[in-house]
Amino acid sequence: MASKLGSNSQSVVYSKQGSFVGLEGNDAKGKAIIIVAGKAAFLRFQDFEVTNGPDLHVYITTGDDISSGIDLGKLKGSIGDQNYDLSGVDLKTYDTVVIYSQPFQIHFAMAKLA
């Protein structure tokens, strides 16, 4: 459910969020939150931690299939709050965030967005 913050001309809307869970023997915690502010949108990781691994990338997908999703780039860090730009992404299409190791071809974590 969307919630709004701010009383100025540009409202901030939290449109979807979910909690990270570790996959394939990896640990993860924290929240993935899609935030829309005017025409800008971004994915925020809050109170985030994941097992460190090689060449971890962030995907926004449908389910856990990264081939149906968009690579948002390298994970900025295995611990801490971080933001990823969602400009041009159809936010209604995607419902899952996946942390994926490209060299190992394994899912480290995911968060289902609702």
PDB file of N, CA and C in Angstrom:
ATOM      1  N   MET A   1       0.839  -1.174   0.000  1.00  0.00           N
ATOM      2  CA  MET A   1       0.000   0.000   0.000  1.00  0.00           C
ATOM      3  C   MET A   1       0.886   1.240   0.000  1.00  0.00           C
ATOM      4  N   ALA A   2       0.538   2.193  -0.785  1.00  0.00           N
ATOM      5  CA  ALA A   2       1.332   3.419  -0.893  1.00  0.00           C
ATOM      6  C   ALA A   2       1.063   4.326   0.301  1.00  0.00           C
ATOM      7  N   SER A   3       2.109   4.979   0.754  1.00  0.00           N
ATOM      8  CA  SER A   3       1.959   6.000   1.790  1.00  0.00           C
ATOM      9  C   SER A   3       2.692   7.243   1.317  1.00  0.00           C
ATOM     10  N   LYS A   4       2.221   8.418   1.779  1.00  0.00           N
ATOM     11  CA  LYS A   4       2.787   9.684   1.316  1.00  0.00           C
ATOM     12  C   LYS A   4       3.441  10.421   2.469  1.00  0.00           C
ATOM     13  N   LEU A   5       4.501  11.128   2.148  1.00  0.00           N
ATOM     14  CA  LEU A   5       5.173  12.015   3.086  1.00  0.00           C
ATOM     15  C   LEU A   5       5.327  13.367   2.427  1.00  0.00           C
ATOM     16  N   GLY A   6       5.351  14.413   3.236  1.00  0.00           N
ATOM     17  CA  GLY A   6       5.632  15.749   2.709  1.00  0.00           C
ATOM     18  C   GLY A   6       4.371  16.524   2.421  1.00  0.00           C
ATOM     19  N   SER A   7       4.444  17.812   2.685  1.00  0.00           N
ATOM     20  CA  SER A   7       3.297  18.667   2.423  1.00  0.00           C
ATOM     21  C   SER A   7       3.621  19.701   1.356  1.00  0.00           C
ATOM     22  N   ASN A   8       4.843  19.657   0.832  1.00  0.00           N
ATOM     23  CA  ASN A   8       5.191  20.609  -0.215  1.00  0.00           C
ATOM     24  C   ASN A   8       4.635  20.140  -1.553  1.00  0.00           C
ATOM     25  N   SER A   9       4.999  20.823  -2.629  1.00  0.00           N
ATOM     26  CA  SER A   9       4.426  20.514  -3.932  1.00  0.00           C
ATOM     27  C   SER A   9       4.872  19.162  -4.481  1.00  0.00           C
ATOM     28  N   GLN A  10       5.935  18.599  -3.939  1.00  0.00           N
ATOM     29  CA  GLN A  10       6.421  17.316  -4.433  1.00  0.00           C
ATOM     30  C   GLN A  10       6.291  16.271  -3.330  1.00  0.00           C
ATOM     31  N   SER A  11       5.253  15.454  -3.417  1.00  0.00           N
ATOM     32  CA  SER A  11       5.035  14.414  -2.424  1.00  0.00           C
ATOM     33  C   SER A  11       5.968  13.240  -2.669  1.00  0.00           C
ATOM     34  N   VAL A  12       6.351  12.607  -1.584  1.00  0.00           N
ATOM     35  CA  VAL A  12       7.145  11.389  -1.657  1.00  0.00           C
ATOM     36  C   VAL A  12       6.208  10.225  -1.370  1.00  0.00           C
ATOM     37  N   VAL A  13       6.171   9.252  -2.271  1.00  0.00           N
ATOM     38  CA  VAL A  13       5.281   8.112  -2.123  1.00  0.00           C
ATOM     39  C   VAL A  13       6.117   6.841  -2.014  1.00  0.00           C
ATOM     40  N   TYR A  14       5.858   6.072  -0.962  1.00  0.00           N
ATOM     41  CA  TYR A  14       6.459   4.748  -0.825  1.00  0.00           C
ATOM     42  C   TYR A  14       5.481   3.784  -1.476  1.00  0.00           C
ATOM     43  N   SER A  15       5.787   3.338  -2.702  1.00  0.00           N
ATOM     44  CA  SER A  15       4.792   2.589  -3.459  1.00  0.00           C
ATOM     45  C   SER A  15       4.791   1.093  -3.188  1.00  0.00           C
ATOM     46  N   LYS A  16       5.959   0.497  -2.978  1.00  0.00           N
ATOM     47  CA  LYS A  16       6.050  -0.941  -2.694  1.00  0.00           C
ATOM     48  C   LYS A  16       7.228  -1.166  -1.763  1.00  0.00           C
ATOM     49  N   GLN A  17       7.139  -2.219  -0.947  1.00  0.00           N
ATOM     50  CA  GLN A  17       8.287  -2.572  -0.125  1.00  0.00           C
ATOM     51  C   GLN A  17       8.249  -4.053   0.209  1.00  0.00           C
ATOM     52  N   GLY A  18       9.392  -4.567   0.615  1.00  0.00           N
ATOM     53  CA  GLY A  18       9.501  -5.961   1.017  1.00  0.00           C
ATOM     54  C   GLY A  18      10.756  -6.165   1.839  1.00  0.00           C
ATOM     55  N   SER A  19      10.826  -7.282   2.532  1.00  0.00           N
ATOM     56  CA  SER A  19      11.977  -7.606   3.381  1.00  0.00           C
ATOM     57  C   SER A  19      12.889  -8.601   2.681  1.00  0.00           C
ATOM     58  N   PHE A  20      14.187  -8.376   2.806  1.00  0.00           N
ATOM     59  CA  PHE A  20      15.167  -9.280   2.211  1.00  0.00           C
ATOM     60  C   PHE A  20      15.255 -10.586   2.989  1.00  0.00           C
ATOM     61  N   VAL A  21      15.426 -11.680   2.241  1.00  0.00           N
ATOM     62  CA  VAL A  21      15.732 -12.989   2.810  1.00  0.00           C
ATOM     63  C   VAL A  21      16.943 -13.536   2.067  1.00  0.00           C
ATOM     64  N   GLY A  22      17.787 -14.254   2.775  1.00  0.00           N
ATOM     65  CA  GLY A  22      18.949 -14.875   2.155  1.00  0.00           C
ATOM     66  C   GLY A  22      18.552 -16.111   1.369  1.00  0.00           C
ATOM     67  N   LEU A  23      19.315 -16.409   0.336  1.00  0.00           N
ATOM     68  CA  LEU A  23      19.060 -17.571  -0.518  1.00  0.00           C
ATOM     69  C   LEU A  23      20.337 -18.381  -0.684  1.00  0.00           C
ATOM     70  N   GLU A  24      20.176 -19.648  -0.970  1.00  0.00           N
ATOM     71  CA  GLU A  24      21.286 -20.544  -1.300  1.00  0.00           C
ATOM     72  C   GLU A  24      22.409 -20.475  -0.261  1.00  0.00           C
ATOM     73  N   GLY A  25      22.015 -20.481   1.040  1.00  0.00           N
ATOM     74  CA  GLY A  25      22.989 -20.492   2.124  1.00  0.00           C
ATOM     75  C   GLY A  25      23.550 -19.140   2.516  1.00  0.00           C
ATOM     76  N   ASN A  26      23.049 -18.073   1.948  1.00  0.00           N
ATOM     77  CA  ASN A  26      23.520 -16.719   2.258  1.00  0.00           C
ATOM     78  C   ASN A  26      22.549 -16.029   3.215  1.00  0.00           C
ATOM     79  N   ASP A  27      23.073 -15.099   3.999  1.00  0.00           N
ATOM     80  CA  ASP A  27      22.256 -14.332   4.936  1.00  0.00           C
ATOM     81  C   ASP A  27      21.919 -12.971   4.339  1.00  0.00           C
ATOM     82  N   ALA A  28      20.731 -12.481   4.668  1.00  0.00           N
ATOM     83  CA  ALA A  28      20.330 -11.139   4.237  1.00  0.00           C
ATOM     84  C   ALA A  28      19.263 -10.618   5.183  1.00  0.00           C
ATOM     85  N   LYS A  29      19.249  -9.289   5.351  1.00  0.00           N
ATOM     86  CA  LYS A  29      18.191  -8.644   6.126  1.00  0.00           C
ATOM     87  C   LYS A  29      18.058  -7.208   5.656  1.00  0.00           C
ATOM     88  N   GLY A  30      16.970  -6.585   6.064  1.00  0.00           N
ATOM     89  CA  GLY A  30      16.700  -5.210   5.684  1.00  0.00           C
ATOM     90  C   GLY A  30      15.492  -5.122   4.776  1.00  0.00           C
ATOM     91  N   LYS A  31      15.209  -3.906   4.326  1.00  0.00           N
ATOM     92  CA  LYS A  31      14.043  -3.663   3.478  1.00  0.00           C
ATOM     93  C   LYS A  31      14.447  -3.097   2.132  1.00  0.00           C
ATOM     94  N   ALA A  32      13.667  -3.454   1.122  1.00  0.00           N
ATOM     95  CA  ALA A  32      13.737  -2.835  -0.204  1.00  0.00           C
ATOM     96  C   ALA A  32      12.466  -2.007  -0.345  1.00  0.00           C
ATOM     97  N   ILE A  33      12.619  -0.728  -0.670  1.00  0.00           N
ATOM     98  CA  ILE A  33      11.478   0.184  -0.742  1.00  0.00           C
ATOM     99  C   ILE A  33      11.551   0.959  -2.055  1.00  0.00           C
ATOM    100  N   ILE A  34      10.463   0.947  -2.813  1.00  0.00           N
ATOM    101  CA  ILE A  34      10.388   1.790  -4.008  1.00  0.00           C
ATOM    102  C   ILE A  34       9.793   3.125  -3.587  1.00  0.00           C
ATOM    103  N   ILE A  35      10.530   4.200  -3.881  1.00  0.00           N
ATOM    104  CA  ILE A  35      10.124   5.551  -3.506  1.00  0.00           C
ATOM    105  C   ILE A  35       9.955   6.378  -4.777  1.00  0.00           C
ATOM    106  N   VAL A  36       8.814   7.047  -4.878  1.00  0.00           N
ATOM    107  CA  VAL A  36       8.523   7.915  -6.014  1.00  0.00           C
ATOM    108  C   VAL A  36       8.386   9.339  -5.487  1.00  0.00           C
ATOM    109  N   ALA A  37       9.140  10.255  -6.082  1.00  0.00           N
ATOM    110  CA  ALA A  37       9.087  11.670  -5.709  1.00  0.00           C
ATOM    111  C   ALA A  37       8.931  12.475  -6.988  1.00  0.00           C
ATOM    112  N   GLY A  38       7.721  12.921  -7.262  1.00  0.00           N
ATOM    113  CA  GLY A  38       7.467  13.617  -8.517  1.00  0.00           C
ATOM    114  C   GLY A  38       7.663  12.656  -9.679  1.00  0.00           C
ATOM    115  N   LYS A  39       8.541  13.023 -10.607  1.00  0.00           N
ATOM    116  CA  LYS A  39       8.828  12.160 -11.758  1.00  0.00           C
ATOM    117  C   LYS A  39       9.987  11.210 -11.499  1.00  0.00           C
ATOM    118  N   ALA A  40      10.663  11.370 -10.376  1.00  0.00           N
ATOM    119  CA  ALA A  40      11.809  10.519 -10.039  1.00  0.00           C
ATOM    120  C   ALA A  40      11.345   9.297  -9.250  1.00  0.00           C
ATOM    121  N   ALA A  41      12.036   8.186  -9.464  1.00  0.00           N
ATOM    122  CA  ALA A  41      11.762   6.969  -8.697  1.00  0.00           C
ATOM    123  C   ALA A  41      13.087   6.294  -8.393  1.00  0.00           C
ATOM    124  N   PHE A  42      13.168   5.726  -7.213  1.00  0.00           N
ATOM    125  CA  PHE A  42      14.366   4.972  -6.874  1.00  0.00           C
ATOM    126  C   PHE A  42      14.041   3.845  -5.921  1.00  0.00           C
ATOM    127  N   LEU A  43      14.942   2.877  -5.889  1.00  0.00           N
ATOM    128  CA  LEU A  43      14.861   1.723  -5.007  1.00  0.00           C
ATOM    129  C   LEU A  43      15.804   1.981  -3.851  1.00  0.00           C
ATOM    130  N   ARG A  44      15.274   1.937  -2.636  1.00  0.00           N
ATOM    131  CA  ARG A  44      16.091   2.179  -1.441  1.00  0.00           C
ATOM    132  C   ARG A  44      16.232   0.895  -0.648  1.00  0.00           C
ATOM    133  N   PHE A  45      17.472   0.581  -0.274  1.00  0.00           N
ATOM    134  CA  PHE A  45      17.738  -0.496   0.674  1.00  0.00           C
ATOM    135  C   PHE A  45      17.920   0.165   2.034  1.00  0.00           C
ATOM    136  N   GLN A  46      17.181  -0.298   3.012  1.00  0.00           N
ATOM    137  CA  GLN A  46      17.230   0.299   4.342  1.00  0.00           C
ATOM    138  C   GLN A  46      17.576  -0.773   5.366  1.00  0.00           C
ATOM    139  N   ASP A  47      18.495  -0.443   6.288  1.00  0.00           N
ATOM    140  CA  ASP A  47      18.973  -1.402   7.300  1.00  0.00           C
ATOM    141  C   ASP A  47      19.419  -2.697   6.628  1.00  0.00           C
ATOM    142  N   PHE A  48      20.109  -2.564   5.517  1.00  0.00           N
ATOM    143  CA  PHE A  48      20.442  -3.686   4.635  1.00  0.00           C
ATOM    144  C   PHE A  48      21.754  -4.356   5.014  1.00  0.00           C
ATOM    145  N   GLU A  49      21.747  -5.680   4.959  1.00  0.00           N
ATOM    146  CA  GLU A  49      22.964  -6.490   5.063  1.00  0.00           C
ATOM    147  C   GLU A  49      22.772  -7.747   4.228  1.00  0.00           C
ATOM    148  N   VAL A  50      23.839  -8.155   3.547  1.00  0.00           N
ATOM    149  CA  VAL A  50      23.831  -9.404   2.796  1.00  0.00           C
ATOM    150  C   VAL A  50      25.228 -10.007   2.871  1.00  0.00           C
ATOM    151  N   THR A  51      25.307 -11.324   2.793  1.00  0.00           N
ATOM    152  CA  THR A  51      26.597 -11.992   2.723  1.00  0.00           C
ATOM    153  C   THR A  51      27.374 -11.421   1.546  1.00  0.00           C
ATOM    154  N   ASN A  52      28.634 -11.069   1.782  1.00  0.00           N
ATOM    155  CA  ASN A  52      29.458 -10.516   0.710  1.00  0.00           C
ATOM    156  C   ASN A  52      29.787 -11.608  -0.307  1.00  0.00           C
ATOM    157  N   GLY A  53      29.882 -11.230  -1.556  1.00  0.00           N
ATOM    158  CA  GLY A  53      30.205 -12.180  -2.612  1.00  0.00           C
ATOM    159  C   GLY A  53      30.783 -11.459  -3.810  1.00  0.00           C
ATOM    160  N   PRO A  54      31.278 -12.225  -4.788  1.00  0.00           N
ATOM    161  CA  PRO A  54      31.903 -11.614  -5.960  1.00  0.00           C
ATOM    162  C   PRO A  54      30.879 -11.052  -6.947  1.00  0.00           C
ATOM    163  N   ASP A  55      31.146  -9.841  -7.412  1.00  0.00           N
ATOM    164  CA  ASP A  55      30.385  -9.216  -8.492  1.00  0.00           C
ATOM    165  C   ASP A  55      28.872  -9.324  -8.280  1.00  0.00           C
ATOM    166  N   LEU A  56      28.405  -8.864  -7.112  1.00  0.00           N
ATOM    167  CA  LEU A  56      26.971  -8.888  -6.821  1.00  0.00           C
ATOM    168  C   LEU A  56      26.278  -7.741  -7.545  1.00  0.00           C
ATOM    169  N   HIS A  57      25.169  -8.061  -8.193  1.00  0.00           N
ATOM    170  CA  HIS A  57      24.364  -7.079  -8.913  1.00  0.00           C
ATOM    171  C   HIS A  57      22.958  -7.045  -8.339  1.00  0.00           C
ATOM    172  N   VAL A  58      22.300  -5.897  -8.524  1.00  0.00           N
ATOM    173  CA  VAL A  58      20.929  -5.693  -8.073  1.00  0.00           C
ATOM    174  C   VAL A  58      20.019  -5.768  -9.297  1.00  0.00           C
ATOM    175  N   TYR A  59      19.014  -6.627  -9.217  1.00  0.00           N
ATOM    176  CA  TYR A  59      18.023  -6.763 -10.285  1.00  0.00           C
ATOM    177  C   TYR A  59      16.642  -6.458  -9.729  1.00  0.00           C
ATOM    178  N   ILE A  60      15.808  -5.822 -10.549  1.00  0.00           N
ATOM    179  CA  ILE A  60      14.386  -5.735 -10.255  1.00  0.00           C
ATOM    180  C   ILE A  60      13.715  -6.627 -11.293  1.00  0.00           C
ATOM    181  N   THR A  61      12.915  -7.583 -10.827  1.00  0.00           N
ATOM    182  CA  THR A  61      12.431  -8.657 -11.686  1.00  0.00           C
ATOM    183  C   THR A  61      10.959  -8.961 -11.431  1.00  0.00           C
ATOM    184  N   THR A  62      10.473  -9.909 -12.219  1.00  0.00           N
ATOM    185  CA  THR A  62       9.187 -10.540 -11.964  1.00  0.00           C
ATOM    186  C   THR A  62       9.518 -11.919 -11.421  1.00  0.00           C
ATOM    187  N   GLY A  63       9.181 -12.183 -10.176  1.00  0.00           N
ATOM    188  CA  GLY A  63       9.620 -13.419  -9.544  1.00  0.00           C
ATOM    189  C   GLY A  63      11.122 -13.345  -9.337  1.00  0.00           C
ATOM    190  N   ASP A  64      11.793 -14.489  -9.323  1.00  0.00           N
ATOM    191  CA  ASP A  64      13.242 -14.471  -9.082  1.00  0.00           C
ATOM    192  C   ASP A  64      14.058 -14.698 -10.349  1.00  0.00           C
ATOM    193  N   ASP A  65      13.398 -14.655 -11.508  1.00  0.00           N
ATOM    194  CA  ASP A  65      14.065 -14.893 -12.790  1.00  0.00           C
ATOM    195  C   ASP A  65      14.735 -13.603 -13.272  1.00  0.00           C
ATOM    196  N   ILE A  66      16.063 -13.528 -13.121  1.00  0.00           N
ATOM    197  CA  ILE A  66      16.756 -12.292 -13.496  1.00  0.00           C
ATOM    198  C   ILE A  66      16.710 -12.021 -14.997  1.00  0.00           C
ATOM    199  N   SER A  67      16.492 -13.057 -15.809  1.00  0.00           N
ATOM    200  CA  SER A  67      16.436 -12.839 -17.259  1.00  0.00           C
ATOM    201  C   SER A  67      15.211 -12.015 -17.651  1.00  0.00           C
ATOM    202  N   SER A  68      14.197 -11.968 -16.776  1.00  0.00           N
ATOM    203  CA  SER A  68      13.002 -11.164 -17.063  1.00  0.00           C
ATOM    204  C   SER A  68      13.075  -9.783 -16.424  1.00  0.00           C
ATOM    205  N   GLY A  69      14.221  -9.464 -15.823  1.00  0.00           N
ATOM    206  CA  GLY A  69      14.324  -8.217 -15.081  1.00  0.00           C
ATOM    207  C   GLY A  69      15.314  -7.234 -15.655  1.00  0.00           C
ATOM    208  N   ILE A  70      15.599  -6.225 -14.853  1.00  0.00           N
ATOM    209  CA  ILE A  70      16.522  -5.156 -15.228  1.00  0.00           C
ATOM    210  C   ILE A  70      17.676  -5.144 -14.239  1.00  0.00           C
ATOM    211  N   ASP A  71      18.900  -5.153 -14.765  1.00  0.00           N
ATOM    212  CA  ASP A  71      20.103  -5.050 -13.941  1.00  0.00           C
ATOM    213  C   ASP A  71      20.281  -3.581 -13.571  1.00  0.00           C
ATOM    214  N   LEU A  72      20.165  -3.274 -12.282  1.00  0.00           N
ATOM    215  CA  LEU A  72      20.308  -1.896 -11.804  1.00  0.00           C
ATOM    216  C   LEU A  72      21.752  -1.540 -11.493  1.00  0.00           C
ATOM    217  N   GLY A  73      22.649  -2.489 -11.710  1.00  0.00           N
ATOM    218  CA  GLY A  73      24.067  -2.229 -11.498  1.00  0.00           C
ATOM    219  C   GLY A  73      24.640  -3.022 -10.343  1.00  0.00           C
ATOM    220  N   LYS A  74      25.931  -2.785 -10.103  1.00  0.00           N
ATOM    221  CA  LYS A  74      26.627  -3.476  -9.016  1.00  0.00           C
ATOM    222  C   LYS A  74      26.061  -3.056  -7.669  1.00  0.00           C
ATOM    223  N   LEU A  75      26.011  -4.014  -6.751  1.00  0.00           N
ATOM    224  CA  LEU A  75      25.636  -3.720  -5.375  1.00  0.00           C
ATOM    225  C   LEU A  75      26.645  -2.730  -4.815  1.00  0.00           C
ATOM    226  N   LYS A  76      26.163  -1.654  -4.211  1.00  0.00           N
ATOM    227  CA  LYS A  76      27.050  -0.591  -3.727  1.00  0.00           C
ATOM    228  C   LYS A  76      27.798  -0.986  -2.467  1.00  0.00           C
ATOM    229  N   GLY A  77      27.270  -1.934  -1.725  1.00  0.00           N
ATOM    230  CA  GLY A  77      27.929  -2.407  -0.513  1.00  0.00           C
ATOM    231  C   GLY A  77      27.112  -3.510   0.119  1.00  0.00           C
ATOM    232  N   SER A  78      27.766  -4.390   0.861  1.00  0.00           N
ATOM    233  CA  SER A  78      27.047  -5.501   1.479  1.00  0.00           C
ATOM    234  C   SER A  78      26.378  -5.097   2.794  1.00  0.00           C
ATOM    235  N   ILE A  79      26.672  -3.889   3.281  1.00  0.00           N
ATOM    236  CA  ILE A  79      26.059  -3.381   4.509  1.00  0.00           C
ATOM    237  C   ILE A  79      25.712  -1.910   4.311  1.00  0.00           C
ATOM    238  N   GLY A  80      24.509  -1.522   4.750  1.00  0.00           N
ATOM    239  CA  GLY A  80      24.154  -0.108   4.781  1.00  0.00           C
ATOM    240  C   GLY A  80      23.040   0.287   3.835  1.00  0.00           C
ATOM    241  N   ASP A  81      22.504   1.469   4.094  1.00  0.00           N
ATOM    242  CA  ASP A  81      21.449   2.037   3.258  1.00  0.00           C
ATOM    243  C   ASP A  81      22.037   2.453   1.911  1.00  0.00           C
ATOM    244  N   GLN A  82      21.265   2.271   0.846  1.00  0.00           N
ATOM    245  CA  GLN A  82      21.725   2.630  -0.497  1.00  0.00           C
ATOM    246  C   GLN A  82      20.533   2.827  -1.411  1.00  0.00           C
ATOM    247  N   ASN A  83      20.746   3.570  -2.498  1.00  0.00           N
ATOM    248  CA  ASN A  83      19.687   3.888  -3.454  1.00  0.00           C
ATOM    249  C   ASN A  83      20.109   3.500  -4.866  1.00  0.00           C
ATOM    250  N   TYR A  84      19.115   3.072  -5.663  1.00  0.00           N
ATOM    251  CA  TYR A  84      19.319   2.718  -7.070  1.00  0.00           C
ATOM    252  C   TYR A  84      18.250   3.423  -7.894  1.00  0.00           C
ATOM    253  N   ASP A  85      18.668   4.056  -8.977  1.00  0.00           N
ATOM    254  CA  ASP A  85      17.781   4.823  -9.843  1.00  0.00           C
ATOM    255  C   ASP A  85      16.830   3.894 -10.595  1.00  0.00           C
ATOM    256  N   LEU A  86      15.552   4.254 -10.607  1.00  0.00           N
ATOM    257  CA  LEU A  86      14.544   3.488 -11.350  1.00  0.00           C
ATOM    258  C   LEU A  86      13.940   4.306 -12.488  1.00  0.00           C
ATOM    259  N   SER A  87      14.648   5.329 -12.953  1.00  0.00           N
ATOM    260  CA  SER A  87      14.147   6.148 -14.059  1.00  0.00           C
ATOM    261  C   SER A  87      13.858   5.264 -15.265  1.00  0.00           C
ATOM    262  N   GLY A  88      12.686   5.439 -15.843  1.00  0.00           N
ATOM    263  CA  GLY A  88      12.318   4.698 -17.036  1.00  0.00           C
ATOM    264  C   GLY A  88      11.839   3.280 -16.785  1.00  0.00           C
ATOM    265  N   VAL A  89      11.782   2.847 -15.528  1.00  0.00           N
ATOM    266  CA  VAL A  89      11.337   1.490 -15.200  1.00  0.00           C
ATOM    267  C   VAL A  89       9.829   1.510 -14.956  1.00  0.00           C
ATOM    268  N   ASP A  90       9.098   0.598 -15.605  1.00  0.00           N
ATOM    269  CA  ASP A  90       7.661   0.461 -15.370  1.00  0.00           C
ATOM    270  C   ASP A  90       7.473  -0.237 -14.023  1.00  0.00           C
ATOM    271  N   LEU A  91       7.164   0.527 -13.000  1.00  0.00           N
ATOM    272  CA  LEU A  91       7.107   0.003 -11.637  1.00  0.00           C
ATOM    273  C   LEU A  91       5.977  -0.998 -11.422  1.00  0.00           C
ATOM    274  N   LYS A  92       4.973  -0.989 -12.283  1.00  0.00           N
ATOM    275  CA  LYS A  92       3.863  -1.946 -12.154  1.00  0.00           C
ATOM    276  C   LYS A  92       4.253  -3.338 -12.641  1.00  0.00           C
ATOM    277  N   THR A  93       5.291  -3.428 -13.450  1.00  0.00           N
ATOM    278  CA  THR A  93       5.693  -4.699 -14.049  1.00  0.00           C
ATOM    279  C   THR A  93       6.455  -5.595 -13.083  1.00  0.00           C
ATOM    280  N   TYR A  94       7.251  -5.017 -12.201  1.00  0.00           N
ATOM    281  CA  TYR A  94       8.201  -5.789 -11.396  1.00  0.00           C
ATOM    282  C   TYR A  94       7.765  -5.901  -9.943  1.00  0.00           C
ATOM    283  N   ASP A  95       8.025  -7.079  -9.340  1.00  0.00           N
ATOM    284  CA  ASP A  95       7.570  -7.327  -7.973  1.00  0.00           C
ATOM    285  C   ASP A  95       8.639  -7.917  -7.055  1.00  0.00           C
ATOM    286  N   THR A  96       9.875  -8.009  -7.531  1.00  0.00           N
ATOM    287  CA  THR A  96      10.924  -8.657  -6.745  1.00  0.00           C
ATOM    288  C   THR A  96      12.263  -7.963  -6.971  1.00  0.00           C
ATOM    289  N   VAL A  97      13.038  -7.849  -5.893  1.00  0.00           N
ATOM    290  CA  VAL A  97      14.418  -7.377  -5.979  1.00  0.00           C
ATOM    291  C   VAL A  97      15.312  -8.579  -5.694  1.00  0.00           C
ATOM    292  N   VAL A  98      16.317  -8.785  -6.538  1.00  0.00           N
ATOM    293  CA  VAL A  98      17.230  -9.924  -6.394  1.00  0.00           C
ATOM    294  C   VAL A  98      18.667  -9.422  -6.331  1.00  0.00           C
ATOM    295  N   ILE A  99      19.441  -9.973  -5.403  1.00  0.00           N
ATOM    296  CA  ILE A  99      20.888  -9.757  -5.344  1.00  0.00           C
ATOM    297  C   ILE A  99      21.509 -11.023  -5.920  1.00  0.00           C
ATOM    298  N   TYR A 100      22.281 -10.869  -6.998  1.00  0.00           N
ATOM    299  CA  TYR A 100      22.740 -12.013  -7.785  1.00  0.00           C
ATOM    300  C   TYR A 100      24.236 -11.920  -8.038  1.00  0.00           C
ATOM    301  N   SER A 101      24.933 -13.039  -7.853  1.00  0.00           N
ATOM    302  CA  SER A 101      26.363 -13.117  -8.160  1.00  0.00           C
ATOM    303  C   SER A 101      26.525 -13.608  -9.586  1.00  0.00           C
ATOM    304  N   GLN A 102      27.044 -12.740 -10.452  1.00  0.00           N
ATOM    305  CA  GLN A 102      27.194 -13.125 -11.850  1.00  0.00           C
ATOM    306  C   GLN A 102      28.231 -14.226 -12.060  1.00  0.00           C
ATOM    307  N   PRO A 103      29.419 -14.165 -11.426  1.00  0.00           N
ATOM    308  CA  PRO A 103      30.387 -15.243 -11.667  1.00  0.00           C
ATOM    309  C   PRO A 103      29.914 -16.606 -11.156  1.00  0.00           C
ATOM    310  N   PHE A 104      29.248 -16.612  -9.984  1.00  0.00           N
ATOM    311  CA  PHE A 104      28.779 -17.878  -9.408  1.00  0.00           C
ATOM    312  C   PHE A 104      27.407 -18.279  -9.930  1.00  0.00           C
ATOM    313  N   GLN A 105      26.717 -17.357 -10.576  1.00  0.00           N
ATOM    314  CA  GLN A 105      25.365 -17.570 -11.093  1.00  0.00           C
ATOM    315  C   GLN A 105      24.434 -18.104 -10.010  1.00  0.00           C
ATOM    316  N   ILE A 106      24.471 -17.434  -8.828  1.00  0.00           N
ATOM    317  CA  ILE A 106      23.561 -17.804  -7.748  1.00  0.00           C
ATOM    318  C   ILE A 106      22.888 -16.557  -7.173  1.00  0.00           C
ATOM    319  N   HIS A 107      21.697 -16.774  -6.649  1.00  0.00           N
ATOM    320  CA  HIS A 107      20.928 -15.734  -5.976  1.00  0.00           C
ATOM    321  C   HIS A 107      21.409 -15.647  -4.531  1.00  0.00           C
ATOM    322  N   PHE A 108      21.851 -14.480  -4.110  1.00  0.00           N
ATOM    323  CA  PHE A 108      22.290 -14.282  -2.727  1.00  0.00           C
ATOM    324  C   PHE A 108      21.121 -13.870  -1.833  1.00  0.00           C
ATOM    325  N   ALA A 109      20.188 -13.082  -2.376  1.00  0.00           N
ATOM    326  CA  ALA A 109      19.058 -12.598  -1.578  1.00  0.00           C
ATOM    327  C   ALA A 109      17.947 -12.122  -2.495  1.00  0.00           C
ATOM    328  N   MET A 110      16.749 -12.016  -1.908  1.00  0.00           N
ATOM    329  CA  MET A 110      15.630 -11.438  -2.642  1.00  0.00           C
ATOM    330  C   MET A 110      14.653 -10.795  -1.671  1.00  0.00           C
ATOM    331  N   ALA A 111      13.871  -9.858  -2.200  1.00  0.00           N
ATOM    332  CA  ALA A 111      12.794  -9.215  -1.450  1.00  0.00           C
ATOM    333  C   ALA A 111      11.576  -9.140  -2.364  1.00  0.00           C
ATOM    334  N   LYS A 112      10.465  -9.737  -1.939  1.00  0.00           N
ATOM    335  CA  LYS A 112       9.203  -9.634  -2.673  1.00  0.00           C
ATOM    336  C   LYS A 112       8.564  -8.300  -2.322  1.00  0.00           C
ATOM    337  N   LEU A 113       8.186  -7.544  -3.333  1.00  0.00           N
ATOM    338  CA  LEU A 113       7.613  -6.213  -3.134  1.00  0.00           C
ATOM    339  C   LEU A 113       6.091  -6.268  -3.188  1.00  0.00           C
ATOM    340  N   ALA A 114       5.457  -5.628  -2.230  1.00  0.00           N
ATOM    341  CA  ALA A 114       3.988  -5.586  -2.215  1.00  0.00           C
ATOM    342  C   ALA A 114       3.533  -4.196  -1.812  1.00  0.00           C
TER     343      ALA A 114
END
